Every structure is written in structure tokens, then in C-alpha cells.
Amino acid sequence: MVSRVAESVGVSSDYAASRDPTMAWERRRYKKSCHFDTLQQNFGENPCPEGHCRWVTISDTHGKHRALSENNMLPDGDVLLHAGDLTNVGEVKQISDFCDWMSELTQYKHKIVIAGNHDLTLDEDSYYPELCKRFHFGKRKNDEEARRLMRTSPHFTYLEDATVENIFGYNVYGSPWQPEFCNWAFNLKRGAECDKIWDKIPTETDILLTHGPPLGYGDLCLPGKHRAGCLELLNQIEGRIKPLVHVFGHVHEGYGVTTNRVTTFINASTCTLQYRPMNKPTVFDLPVKSNESVE
């Protein structure tokens, strides 16, 4: 059974195409309605225009978040977005230090964070016993404390399939999921299971924050040059949600900015393919649409 969104953008009458995202993207590329442009990244070197708010994006810091501060890589801004994989394998010590680090980033009025597939202890439904057995040799970490730290921190907003509204007039939705990837955290089977999760994203979403990329945009894996993005997520974005900006990570080598001429797609991966925190945060500026003042 195909979703109404899939029907509206003319994809296959079932979810078979999802099983081979590389082939699915090659087929879409021949359609006149499929647009793909690479954009020059904004690293915040120029001042934010008057009447605008500045959004700074990072992802996939993998416990090396402090390198961003130590190397003066973080530009000033009004909102900081982190698209998940803040740890290596869900270490509580790294989560605690991440929360402490976020408390030090006082240059941002708002900080919004989601989890990713490496943040094992934050996946309440899958960590114990499945992920614990595979990654922690069956020795259970304090996953309850890990989730408590993230969910109760006063220094940032942690989103897990939820929206934070009216950030300078914009609604931000965050979700940690991606199509199944080597039995890590927050995994979904491609097809209907993914579609069910993406159906939760409100149509009124302006800024979409997910860990995994959509099909075709910032999702090309090296050296094999295969696609890891989600076809159902792309269908929902193009057919229903149409956000201004979609921020994600997960595929480190997909770092960069692309667009379909409606949505700007930012792969904000901080770590390279070799897990070195060398990629600069990407910035975007939007007009302020509320009475909230910028710093």
C-alpha cells in the first residue's frame, strides 16, 4: 500500500523502490520535475543581515564537540542546531560532557538537539537488551541517566519526534530516525515503516531536523558511491511538508548544501569520513518573523 504523499509525486505503487535507494535516485534524476543544485556554503564570515536571525548547524560530533570551541570553529548566531550522533556509542560520560559544553555556548539564544544512530542509550525501545548486547558486550550502561540528562537539560531543547514552535517565528521539528543502518539506534525498515514516522511531521514545519538525509541530497556514500537517503522522507518533503530548510547529518562524506529549488538541504556533519572534527559549521540567515529580538 502506498501513501497519499507517494501517489501525489508519482512514485511506484508500492515501497519496492525504497529497497534500492541508489537506483531510485537514478530513476528520479531523469524526470524534468527533479531539480538538484549545489549551493555555496555560508560559514558566517559576513555579518547577519539586519532584521534577520542566524542559524548555525552542526552534526555528528561523536564526542569531539569541544574541538569546535577549542579551534574557534563556531560562528556567533541566534540558534544552534545539532542533528545527532553526539556520541560514539551512547557513552553516558560523553552525553554528560556534551550537556556541560552546551551550557557554555551562551552566544546562542536557542539550542536545539536531536539524537542519531550512534546515540545508543537514548533509544529507549532498542537499547536494552539488543543494542547493549551488541555494542556494550551485555554490560548495561546507565541509559536512564543518559535520557534524563538530555530530556531535562535547561541549556537546550531536545527533540524526539516533536516540534518547538515560534523560534523567531519559525517552527522546528526534530526526529532521530533513519532507514535501517547496520542495526544501530533509531533504525527503521525502508518503506512503510519510514513513511509512518515521517507522517508525524507537521505540514507547518519550517525547519526540519532529522539525523538521516533524504534520498539524493547529501546522502552519497564513499567510496562505493551508493545512496543512503530515505525515499519516503524525500516524498514527504517534496509532496507535503516543503520546509524552508532541512538539516541532517549521518553520511559524513555528504557534508555540504544542496537544493531542489524549494528546500535547502544542509548536511551539517562535523566529523569527516575519518571521524575528524574538521568540517566547519554551516550557517543560514532568515528574516525574523516574530517580536522576538535577536541578540
C-alpha atoms as a PDB file:
ATOM      1  CA  MET A   1       0.000   0.000   0.000  1.00  0.00           C
ATOM      2  CA  VAL A   2       1.373   3.393  -0.971  1.00  0.00           C
ATOM      3  CA  SER A   3       0.886   6.634   0.965  1.00  0.00           C
ATOM      4  CA  ARG A   4      -1.148   9.516  -0.459  1.00  0.00           C
ATOM      5  CA  VAL A   5       2.056  11.559  -0.497  1.00  0.00           C
ATOM      6  CA  ALA A   6       3.811   8.997  -2.667  1.00  0.00           C
ATOM      7  CA  GLU A   7       0.896   8.941  -5.079  1.00  0.00           C
ATOM      8  CA  SER A   8       0.924  12.720  -5.330  1.00  0.00           C
ATOM      9  CA  VAL A   9       4.556  12.799  -6.524  1.00  0.00           C
ATOM     10  CA  GLY A  10       4.157   9.868  -8.876  1.00  0.00           C
ATOM     11  CA  VAL A  11       6.370   7.192  -7.310  1.00  0.00           C
ATOM     12  CA  SER A  12       5.911   3.441  -7.508  1.00  0.00           C
ATOM     13  CA  SER A  13       2.577   1.986  -6.402  1.00  0.00           C
ATOM     14  CA  ASP A  14       4.398   0.121  -3.621  1.00  0.00           C
ATOM     15  CA  TYR A  15       7.505   0.539  -1.496  1.00  0.00           C
ATOM     16  CA  ALA A  16       9.752  -1.647  -3.649  1.00  0.00           C
ATOM     17  CA  ALA A  17      11.796   1.339  -4.844  1.00  0.00           C
ATOM     18  CA  SER A  18      12.843   2.054  -1.248  1.00  0.00           C
ATOM     19  CA  ARG A  19      14.911  -1.120  -1.094  1.00  0.00           C
ATOM     20  CA  ASP A  20      17.427   0.236  -3.603  1.00  0.00           C
ATOM     21  CA  PRO A  21      17.816   3.979  -2.935  1.00  0.00           C
ATOM     22  CA  THR A  22      20.675   4.322  -5.440  1.00  0.00           C
ATOM     23  CA  MET A  23      18.524   3.021  -8.290  1.00  0.00           C
ATOM     24  CA  ALA A  24      15.501   5.009  -7.080  1.00  0.00           C
ATOM     25  CA  TRP A  25      17.503   8.247  -7.258  1.00  0.00           C
ATOM     26  CA  GLU A  26      18.882   7.490 -10.729  1.00  0.00           C
ATOM     27  CA  ARG A  27      15.334   6.986 -11.980  1.00  0.00           C
ATOM     28  CA  ARG A  28      14.159  10.257 -10.454  1.00  0.00           C
ATOM     29  CA  ARG A  29      17.044  12.211 -11.956  1.00  0.00           C
ATOM     30  CA  TYR A  30      15.617  11.728 -15.450  1.00  0.00           C
ATOM     31  CA  LYS A  31      12.348  13.450 -14.537  1.00  0.00           C
ATOM     32  CA  LYS A  32      12.013  17.083 -15.571  1.00  0.00           C
ATOM     33  CA  SER A  33      10.468  17.888 -12.184  1.00  0.00           C
ATOM     34  CA  CYS A  34      13.592  16.693 -10.322  1.00  0.00           C
ATOM     35  CA  HIS A  35      15.925  19.572  -9.507  1.00  0.00           C
ATOM     36  CA  PHE A  36      19.317  19.255  -7.849  1.00  0.00           C
ATOM     37  CA  ASP A  37      21.663  22.192  -7.341  1.00  0.00           C
ATOM     38  CA  THR A  38      24.772  22.503  -5.191  1.00  0.00           C
ATOM     39  CA  LEU A  39      24.974  25.742  -3.210  1.00  0.00           C
ATOM     40  CA  GLN A  40      27.933  27.619  -1.817  1.00  0.00           C
ATOM     41  CA  GLN A  41      28.167  27.180   1.946  1.00  0.00           C
ATOM     42  CA  ASN A  42      27.840  30.104   4.326  1.00  0.00           C
ATOM     43  CA  PHE A  43      30.332  29.829   7.194  1.00  0.00           C
ATOM     44  CA  GLY A  44      29.212  33.004   8.956  1.00  0.00           C
ATOM     45  CA  GLU A  45      32.154  35.105   7.838  1.00  0.00           C
ATOM     46  CA  ASN A  46      29.892  38.031   6.970  1.00  0.00           C
ATOM     47  CA  PRO A  47      27.538  39.722   9.479  1.00  0.00           C
ATOM     48  CA  CYS A  48      23.946  38.577   9.683  1.00  0.00           C
ATOM     49  CA  PRO A  49      21.741  40.993   7.703  1.00  0.00           C
ATOM     50  CA  GLU A  50      19.686  43.464   9.714  1.00  0.00           C
ATOM     51  CA  GLY A  51      16.270  42.113  10.673  1.00  0.00           C
ATOM     52  CA  HIS A  52      17.444  38.515  10.242  1.00  0.00           C
ATOM     53  CA  CYS A  53      18.295  35.687  12.644  1.00  0.00           C
ATOM     54  CA  ARG A  54      21.329  33.460  12.175  1.00  0.00           C
ATOM     55  CA  TRP A  55      21.095  29.663  12.430  1.00  0.00           C
ATOM     56  CA  VAL A  56      24.290  27.632  12.951  1.00  0.00           C
ATOM     57  CA  THR A  57      24.224  23.921  12.072  1.00  0.00           C
ATOM     58  CA  ILE A  58      26.407  21.055  13.299  1.00  0.00           C
ATOM     59  CA  SER A  59      26.033  17.280  13.443  1.00  0.00           C
ATOM     60  CA  ASP A  60      27.957  14.053  14.014  1.00  0.00           C
ATOM     61  CA  THR A  61      30.380  15.432  16.574  1.00  0.00           C
ATOM     62  CA  HIS A  62      30.925  11.924  18.045  1.00  0.00           C
ATOM     63  CA  GLY A  63      32.227  13.054  21.434  1.00  0.00           C
ATOM     64  CA  LYS A  64      34.554  15.630  19.870  1.00  0.00           C
ATOM     65  CA  HIS A  65      32.236  18.599  20.355  1.00  0.00           C
ATOM     66  CA  ARG A  66      34.766  20.586  22.366  1.00  0.00           C
ATOM     67  CA  ALA A  67      37.100  20.717  19.363  1.00  0.00           C
ATOM     68  CA  LEU A  68      34.645  23.178  17.819  1.00  0.00           C
ATOM     69  CA  SER A  69      35.211  25.612  20.688  1.00  0.00           C
ATOM     70  CA  GLU A  70      38.924  24.950  21.090  1.00  0.00           C
ATOM     71  CA  ASN A  71      39.561  25.568  17.392  1.00  0.00           C
ATOM     72  CA  ASN A  72      37.273  28.630  17.234  1.00  0.00           C
ATOM     73  CA  MET A  73      35.073  26.942  14.627  1.00  0.00           C
ATOM     74  CA  LEU A  74      31.691  28.066  15.977  1.00  0.00           C
ATOM     75  CA  PRO A  75      30.420  31.324  14.470  1.00  0.00           C
ATOM     76  CA  ASP A  76      28.135  33.505  16.536  1.00  0.00           C
ATOM     77  CA  GLY A  77      24.438  33.189  15.884  1.00  0.00           C
ATOM     78  CA  ASP A  78      20.965  33.143  17.349  1.00  0.00           C
ATOM     79  CA  VAL A  79      20.097  29.440  17.004  1.00  0.00           C
ATOM     80  CA  LEU A  80      22.344  26.365  17.175  1.00  0.00           C
ATOM     81  CA  LEU A  81      21.063  23.138  15.613  1.00  0.00           C
ATOM     82  CA  HIS A  82      22.692  19.744  16.266  1.00  0.00           C
ATOM     83  CA  ALA A  83      21.450  16.904  14.037  1.00  0.00           C
ATOM     84  CA  GLY A  84      22.534  13.935  16.149  1.00  0.00           C
ATOM     85  CA  ASP A  85      25.400  11.489  16.750  1.00  0.00           C
ATOM     86  CA  LEU A  86      26.767  13.487  19.647  1.00  0.00           C
ATOM     87  CA  THR A  87      28.483  10.321  20.982  1.00  0.00           C
ATOM     88  CA  ASN A  88      30.431   7.338  19.651  1.00  0.00           C
ATOM     89  CA  VAL A  89      28.245   4.559  21.086  1.00  0.00           C
ATOM     90  CA  GLY A  90      25.996   6.329  23.581  1.00  0.00           C
ATOM     91  CA  GLU A  91      28.589   6.833  26.330  1.00  0.00           C
ATOM     92  CA  VAL A  92      26.952   8.496  29.348  1.00  0.00           C
ATOM     93  CA  LYS A  93      30.202  10.336  30.088  1.00  0.00           C
ATOM     94  CA  GLN A  94      30.154  11.904  26.622  1.00  0.00           C
ATOM     95  CA  ILE A  95      26.487  12.846  26.990  1.00  0.00           C
ATOM     96  CA  SER A  96      27.180  14.495  30.342  1.00  0.00           C
ATOM     97  CA  ASP A  97      30.106  16.436  28.893  1.00  0.00           C
ATOM     98  CA  PHE A  98      28.008  17.423  25.873  1.00  0.00           C
ATOM     99  CA  CYS A  99      25.368  18.886  28.200  1.00  0.00           C
ATOM    100  CA  ASP A 100      28.060  20.789  30.088  1.00  0.00           C
ATOM    101  CA  TRP A 101      29.502  22.068  26.811  1.00  0.00           C
ATOM    102  CA  MET A 102      26.114  23.271  25.631  1.00  0.00           C
ATOM    103  CA  SER A 103      25.732  25.249  28.853  1.00  0.00           C
ATOM    104  CA  GLU A 104      28.904  27.143  27.918  1.00  0.00           C
ATOM    105  CA  LEU A 105      27.619  28.215  24.486  1.00  0.00           C
ATOM    106  CA  THR A 106      25.958  31.382  25.716  1.00  0.00           C
ATOM    107  CA  GLN A 107      26.270  33.109  22.345  1.00  0.00           C
ATOM    108  CA  TYR A 108      23.114  31.320  21.164  1.00  0.00           C
ATOM    109  CA  LYS A 109      19.645  32.252  22.363  1.00  0.00           C
ATOM    110  CA  HIS A 110      18.235  28.869  21.300  1.00  0.00           C
ATOM    111  CA  LYS A 111      19.943  25.471  21.048  1.00  0.00           C
ATOM    112  CA  ILE A 112      18.056  22.515  19.586  1.00  0.00           C
ATOM    113  CA  VAL A 113      19.384  18.934  19.579  1.00  0.00           C
ATOM    114  CA  ILE A 114      18.287  15.526  18.305  1.00  0.00           C
ATOM    115  CA  ALA A 115      19.873  12.085  18.668  1.00  0.00           C
ATOM    116  CA  GLY A 116      21.349   9.877  15.959  1.00  0.00           C
ATOM    117  CA  ASN A 117      22.087   6.232  15.304  1.00  0.00           C
ATOM    118  CA  HIS A 118      25.303   6.281  17.389  1.00  0.00           C
ATOM    119  CA  ASP A 119      23.489   7.608  20.480  1.00  0.00           C
ATOM    120  CA  LEU A 120      22.523   4.114  21.606  1.00  0.00           C
ATOM    121  CA  THR A 121      21.496   4.864  25.179  1.00  0.00           C
ATOM    122  CA  LEU A 122      18.992   7.481  24.017  1.00  0.00           C
ATOM    123  CA  ASP A 123      16.968   4.886  22.083  1.00  0.00           C
ATOM    124  CA  GLU A 124      14.753   3.736  24.929  1.00  0.00           C
ATOM    125  CA  ASP A 125      12.983   0.996  22.973  1.00  0.00           C
ATOM    126  CA  SER A 126      16.044  -0.657  21.454  1.00  0.00           C
ATOM    127  CA  TYR A 127      18.994  -0.126  23.806  1.00  0.00           C
ATOM    128  CA  TYR A 128      18.366  -2.951  26.267  1.00  0.00           C
ATOM    129  CA  PRO A 129      18.996  -5.759  25.666  1.00  0.00           C
ATOM    130  CA  GLU A 130      19.529  -5.614  21.876  1.00  0.00           C
ATOM    131  CA  LEU A 131      21.974  -2.719  21.399  1.00  0.00           C
ATOM    132  CA  CYS A 132      23.541  -3.229  24.814  1.00  0.00           C
ATOM    133  CA  LYS A 133      24.468  -6.787  23.891  1.00  0.00           C
ATOM    134  CA  ARG A 134      25.953  -5.853  20.548  1.00  0.00           C
ATOM    135  CA  PHE A 135      27.885  -2.692  21.410  1.00  0.00           C
ATOM    136  CA  HIS A 136      28.441  -2.838  25.170  1.00  0.00           C
ATOM    137  CA  PHE A 137      29.139  -6.578  25.497  1.00  0.00           C
ATOM    138  CA  GLY A 138      25.941  -7.009  27.501  1.00  0.00           C
ATOM    139  CA  LYS A 139      27.145  -4.679  30.252  1.00  0.00           C
ATOM    140  CA  ARG A 140      24.296  -2.214  30.560  1.00  0.00           C
ATOM    141  CA  LYS A 141      25.215   1.453  30.764  1.00  0.00           C
ATOM    142  CA  ASN A 142      23.072   3.893  32.732  1.00  0.00           C
ATOM    143  CA  ASP A 143      20.744   4.582  29.837  1.00  0.00           C
ATOM    144  CA  GLU A 144      18.072   6.072  32.100  1.00  0.00           C
ATOM    145  CA  GLU A 145      20.566   8.703  33.242  1.00  0.00           C
ATOM    146  CA  ALA A 146      21.576   9.384  29.639  1.00  0.00           C
ATOM    147  CA  ARG A 147      17.985  10.102  28.656  1.00  0.00           C
ATOM    148  CA  ARG A 148      17.367  12.147  31.793  1.00  0.00           C
ATOM    149  CA  LEU A 149      20.367  14.367  31.055  1.00  0.00           C
ATOM    150  CA  MET A 150      19.145  15.093  27.533  1.00  0.00           C
ATOM    151  CA  ARG A 151      15.463  15.495  28.334  1.00  0.00           C
ATOM    152  CA  THR A 152      15.845  17.753  31.374  1.00  0.00           C
ATOM    153  CA  SER A 153      18.777  19.960  30.435  1.00  0.00           C
ATOM    154  CA  PRO A 154      17.892  23.661  30.805  1.00  0.00           C
ATOM    155  CA  HIS A 155      20.581  24.574  28.284  1.00  0.00           C
ATOM    156  CA  PHE A 156      18.992  23.224  25.093  1.00  0.00           C
ATOM    157  CA  THR A 157      15.801  21.744  23.702  1.00  0.00           C
ATOM    158  CA  TYR A 158      15.957  18.020  22.980  1.00  0.00           C
ATOM    159  CA  LEU A 159      13.507  16.879  20.312  1.00  0.00           C
ATOM    160  CA  GLU A 160      12.395  13.322  19.621  1.00  0.00           C
ATOM    161  CA  ASP A 161       9.577  13.419  17.067  1.00  0.00           C
ATOM    162  CA  ALA A 162       8.434  16.766  18.388  1.00  0.00           C
ATOM    163  CA  THR A 163       8.169  20.442  17.475  1.00  0.00           C
ATOM    164  CA  VAL A 164       9.448  23.582  19.126  1.00  0.00           C
ATOM    165  CA  GLU A 165       7.330  26.487  17.911  1.00  0.00           C
ATOM    166  CA  ASN A 166       7.919  30.131  17.127  1.00  0.00           C
ATOM    167  CA  ILE A 167      11.705  30.324  17.138  1.00  0.00           C
ATOM    168  CA  PHE A 168      11.907  33.837  15.680  1.00  0.00           C
ATOM    169  CA  GLY A 169       8.595  32.947  14.018  1.00  0.00           C
ATOM    170  CA  TYR A 170       9.625  29.523  12.704  1.00  0.00           C
ATOM    171  CA  ASN A 171       8.545  26.011  13.712  1.00  0.00           C
ATOM    172  CA  VAL A 172      11.329  23.443  14.111  1.00  0.00           C
ATOM    173  CA  TYR A 173      10.605  19.708  14.064  1.00  0.00           C
ATOM    174  CA  GLY A 174      13.226  17.185  15.172  1.00  0.00           C
ATOM    175  CA  SER A 175      13.446  13.420  14.661  1.00  0.00           C
ATOM    176  CA  PRO A 176      16.351  10.983  15.227  1.00  0.00           C
ATOM    177  CA  TRP A 177      15.346   8.266  12.764  1.00  0.00           C
ATOM    178  CA  GLN A 178      16.874   6.927   9.540  1.00  0.00           C
ATOM    179  CA  PRO A 179      16.438   3.832   7.346  1.00  0.00           C
ATOM    180  CA  GLU A 180      17.998   0.721   8.872  1.00  0.00           C
ATOM    181  CA  PHE A 181      21.758   1.029   9.094  1.00  0.00           C
ATOM    182  CA  CYS A 182      23.790  -1.902  10.455  1.00  0.00           C
ATOM    183  CA  ASN A 183      21.488  -2.456  13.468  1.00  0.00           C
ATOM    184  CA  TRP A 184      22.318   0.811  15.204  1.00  0.00           C
ATOM    185  CA  ALA A 185      19.900   3.012  17.172  1.00  0.00           C
ATOM    186  CA  PHE A 186      16.768   4.701  15.827  1.00  0.00           C
ATOM    187  CA  ASN A 187      16.597   2.385  12.810  1.00  0.00           C
ATOM    188  CA  LEU A 188      13.563   1.867  10.599  1.00  0.00           C
ATOM    189  CA  LYS A 189      12.839  -0.610   7.847  1.00  0.00           C
ATOM    190  CA  ARG A 190      12.727   1.124   4.495  1.00  0.00           C
ATOM    191  CA  GLY A 191       9.282   1.704   3.075  1.00  0.00           C
ATOM    192  CA  ALA A 192       6.091   1.771   5.116  1.00  0.00           C
ATOM    193  CA  GLU A 193       7.854   1.898   8.495  1.00  0.00           C
ATOM    194  CA  CYS A 194       9.746   5.035   7.490  1.00  0.00           C
ATOM    195  CA  ASP A 195       6.629   6.592   5.985  1.00  0.00           C
ATOM    196  CA  LYS A 196       4.724   6.094   9.247  1.00  0.00           C
ATOM    197  CA  ILE A 197       7.339   8.096  11.156  1.00  0.00           C
ATOM    198  CA  TRP A 198       7.558  10.876   8.559  1.00  0.00           C
ATOM    199  CA  ASP A 199       3.758  11.181   8.561  1.00  0.00           C
ATOM    200  CA  LYS A 200       4.144  12.629  12.065  1.00  0.00           C
ATOM    201  CA  ILE A 201       5.986  15.691  10.749  1.00  0.00           C
ATOM    202  CA  PRO A 202       3.555  18.631  10.738  1.00  0.00           C
ATOM    203  CA  THR A 203       2.943  20.260   7.380  1.00  0.00           C
ATOM    204  CA  GLU A 204       3.574  23.606   9.083  1.00  0.00           C
ATOM    205  CA  THR A 205       7.239  22.731   9.714  1.00  0.00           C
ATOM    206  CA  ASP A 206       9.626  25.472   8.573  1.00  0.00           C
ATOM    207  CA  ILE A 207      12.929  23.947   9.705  1.00  0.00           C
ATOM    208  CA  LEU A 208      13.197  20.155   9.601  1.00  0.00           C
ATOM    209  CA  LEU A 209      15.898  18.498  11.704  1.00  0.00           C
ATOM    210  CA  THR A 210      16.472  14.766  11.162  1.00  0.00           C
ATOM    211  CA  HIS A 211      19.545  12.625  11.649  1.00  0.00           C
ATOM    212  CA  GLY A 212      19.347  10.827   8.318  1.00  0.00           C
ATOM    213  CA  PRO A 213      19.224  12.545   4.914  1.00  0.00           C
ATOM    214  CA  PRO A 214      16.503  12.358   2.307  1.00  0.00           C
ATOM    215  CA  LEU A 215      17.239  10.459  -0.868  1.00  0.00           C
ATOM    216  CA  GLY A 216      19.603  12.264  -3.236  1.00  0.00           C
ATOM    217  CA  TYR A 217      20.637  15.243  -1.138  1.00  0.00           C
ATOM    218  CA  GLY A 218      23.819  14.889   0.917  1.00  0.00           C
ATOM    219  CA  ASP A 219      23.458  11.094   1.077  1.00  0.00           C
ATOM    220  CA  LEU A 220      26.147   9.788  -1.302  1.00  0.00           C
ATOM    221  CA  CYS A 221      28.414   7.280   0.468  1.00  0.00           C
ATOM    222  CA  LEU A 222      32.059   6.842  -0.473  1.00  0.00           C
ATOM    223  CA  PRO A 223      33.972   5.081  -1.853  1.00  0.00           C
ATOM    224  CA  GLY A 224      31.158   2.894  -3.188  1.00  0.00           C
ATOM    225  CA  LYS A 225      29.061   5.843  -4.432  1.00  0.00           C
ATOM    226  CA  HIS A 226      25.795   4.361  -3.220  1.00  0.00           C
ATOM    227  CA  ARG A 227      22.894   6.317  -1.754  1.00  0.00           C
ATOM    228  CA  ALA A 228      21.830   6.021   1.892  1.00  0.00           C
ATOM    229  CA  GLY A 229      18.990   8.557   1.929  1.00  0.00           C
ATOM    230  CA  CYS A 230      15.315   7.865   2.538  1.00  0.00           C
ATOM    231  CA  LEU A 231      12.925   7.906  -0.421  1.00  0.00           C
ATOM    232  CA  GLU A 232       9.880   8.235   1.844  1.00  0.00           C
ATOM    233  CA  LEU A 233      11.388  11.251   3.595  1.00  0.00           C
ATOM    234  CA  LEU A 234      12.055  12.929   0.254  1.00  0.00           C
ATOM    235  CA  ASN A 235       8.496  12.198  -0.893  1.00  0.00           C
ATOM    236  CA  GLN A 236       7.072  13.759   2.267  1.00  0.00           C
ATOM    237  CA  ILE A 237       9.323  16.814   1.931  1.00  0.00           C
ATOM    238  CA  GLU A 238       8.542  17.424  -1.732  1.00  0.00           C
ATOM    239  CA  GLY A 239       4.893  16.385  -1.694  1.00  0.00           C
ATOM    240  CA  ARG A 240       3.593  17.755   1.617  1.00  0.00           C
ATOM    241  CA  ILE A 241       5.930  19.484   4.076  1.00  0.00           C
ATOM    242  CA  LYS A 242       8.074  21.670   1.795  1.00  0.00           C
ATOM    243  CA  PRO A 243      10.200  23.124   4.605  1.00  0.00           C
ATOM    244  CA  LEU A 244      12.439  26.108   4.023  1.00  0.00           C
ATOM    245  CA  VAL A 245      15.467  24.211   5.336  1.00  0.00           C
ATOM    246  CA  HIS A 246      16.205  20.563   6.104  1.00  0.00           C
ATOM    247  CA  VAL A 247      19.240  19.937   8.351  1.00  0.00           C
ATOM    248  CA  PHE A 248      20.719  16.464   8.852  1.00  0.00           C
ATOM    249  CA  GLY A 249      23.993  14.529   9.057  1.00  0.00           C
ATOM    250  CA  HIS A 250      24.663  10.778   9.304  1.00  0.00           C
ATOM    251  CA  VAL A 251      26.552  10.492   5.984  1.00  0.00           C
ATOM    252  CA  HIS A 252      29.766  12.336   6.845  1.00  0.00           C
ATOM    253  CA  GLU A 253      31.038  12.451   3.271  1.00  0.00           C
ATOM    254  CA  GLY A 254      27.780  14.117   2.163  1.00  0.00           C
ATOM    255  CA  TYR A 255      28.714  17.334   4.017  1.00  0.00           C
ATOM    256  CA  GLY A 256      27.553  20.389   2.099  1.00  0.00           C
ATOM    257  CA  VAL A 257      24.491  22.314   0.896  1.00  0.00           C
ATOM    258  CA  THR A 258      22.117  21.408  -1.931  1.00  0.00           C
ATOM    259  CA  THR A 259      18.616  22.417  -3.001  1.00  0.00           C
ATOM    260  CA  ASN A 260      15.630  21.240  -5.031  1.00  0.00           C
ATOM    261  CA  ARG A 261      14.777  24.968  -5.522  1.00  0.00           C
ATOM    262  CA  VAL A 262      12.135  24.809  -2.784  1.00  0.00           C
ATOM    263  CA  THR A 263      14.002  23.409   0.219  1.00  0.00           C
ATOM    264  CA  THR A 264      17.629  23.999   1.166  1.00  0.00           C
ATOM    265  CA  PHE A 265      19.255  20.745   2.318  1.00  0.00           C
ATOM    266  CA  ILE A 266      22.196  21.026   4.738  1.00  0.00           C
ATOM    267  CA  ASN A 267      24.327  18.023   5.595  1.00  0.00           C
ATOM    268  CA  ALA A 268      25.966  19.513   8.671  1.00  0.00           C
ATOM    269  CA  SER A 269      28.296  16.614   9.571  1.00  0.00           C
ATOM    270  CA  THR A 270      31.135  17.996  11.688  1.00  0.00           C
ATOM    271  CA  CYS A 271      33.284  14.877  11.520  1.00  0.00           C
ATOM    272  CA  THR A 272      34.813  13.734   8.253  1.00  0.00           C
ATOM    273  CA  LEU A 273      34.676  10.188   6.933  1.00  0.00           C
ATOM    274  CA  GLN A 274      37.760   9.560   9.093  1.00  0.00           C
ATOM    275  CA  TYR A 275      35.900  10.878  12.193  1.00  0.00           C
ATOM    276  CA  ARG A 276      37.972  14.038  12.438  1.00  0.00           C
ATOM    277  CA  PRO A 277      36.022  17.147  13.571  1.00  0.00           C
ATOM    278  CA  MET A 278      37.209  19.315  10.689  1.00  0.00           C
ATOM    279  CA  ASN A 279      34.058  20.383   8.820  1.00  0.00           C
ATOM    280  CA  LYS A 280      33.043  23.972   9.521  1.00  0.00           C
ATOM    281  CA  PRO A 281      29.515  24.661  10.817  1.00  0.00           C
ATOM    282  CA  THR A 282      27.169  25.796   8.057  1.00  0.00           C
ATOM    283  CA  VAL A 283      25.121  28.944   8.634  1.00  0.00           C
ATOM    284  CA  PHE A 284      21.859  30.225   7.184  1.00  0.00           C
ATOM    285  CA  ASP A 285      20.048  33.511   7.818  1.00  0.00           C
ATOM    286  CA  LEU A 286      16.275  34.028   7.849  1.00  0.00           C
ATOM    287  CA  PRO A 287      14.119  37.132   8.287  1.00  0.00           C
ATOM    288  CA  VAL A 288      12.757  37.474  11.818  1.00  0.00           C
ATOM    289  CA  LYS A 289       9.000  36.846  11.659  1.00  0.00           C
ATOM    290  CA  SER A 290       8.075  37.418  15.308  1.00  0.00           C
ATOM    291  CA  ASN A 291       8.505  40.011  18.018  1.00  0.00           C
ATOM    292  CA  GLU A 292      11.402  38.055  19.480  1.00  0.00           C
ATOM    293  CA  SER A 293      14.575  40.087  19.448  1.00  0.00           C
ATOM    294  CA  VAL A 294      17.909  38.820  18.179  1.00  0.00           C
ATOM    295  CA  GLU A 295      20.934  39.088  20.435  1.00  0.00           C
END
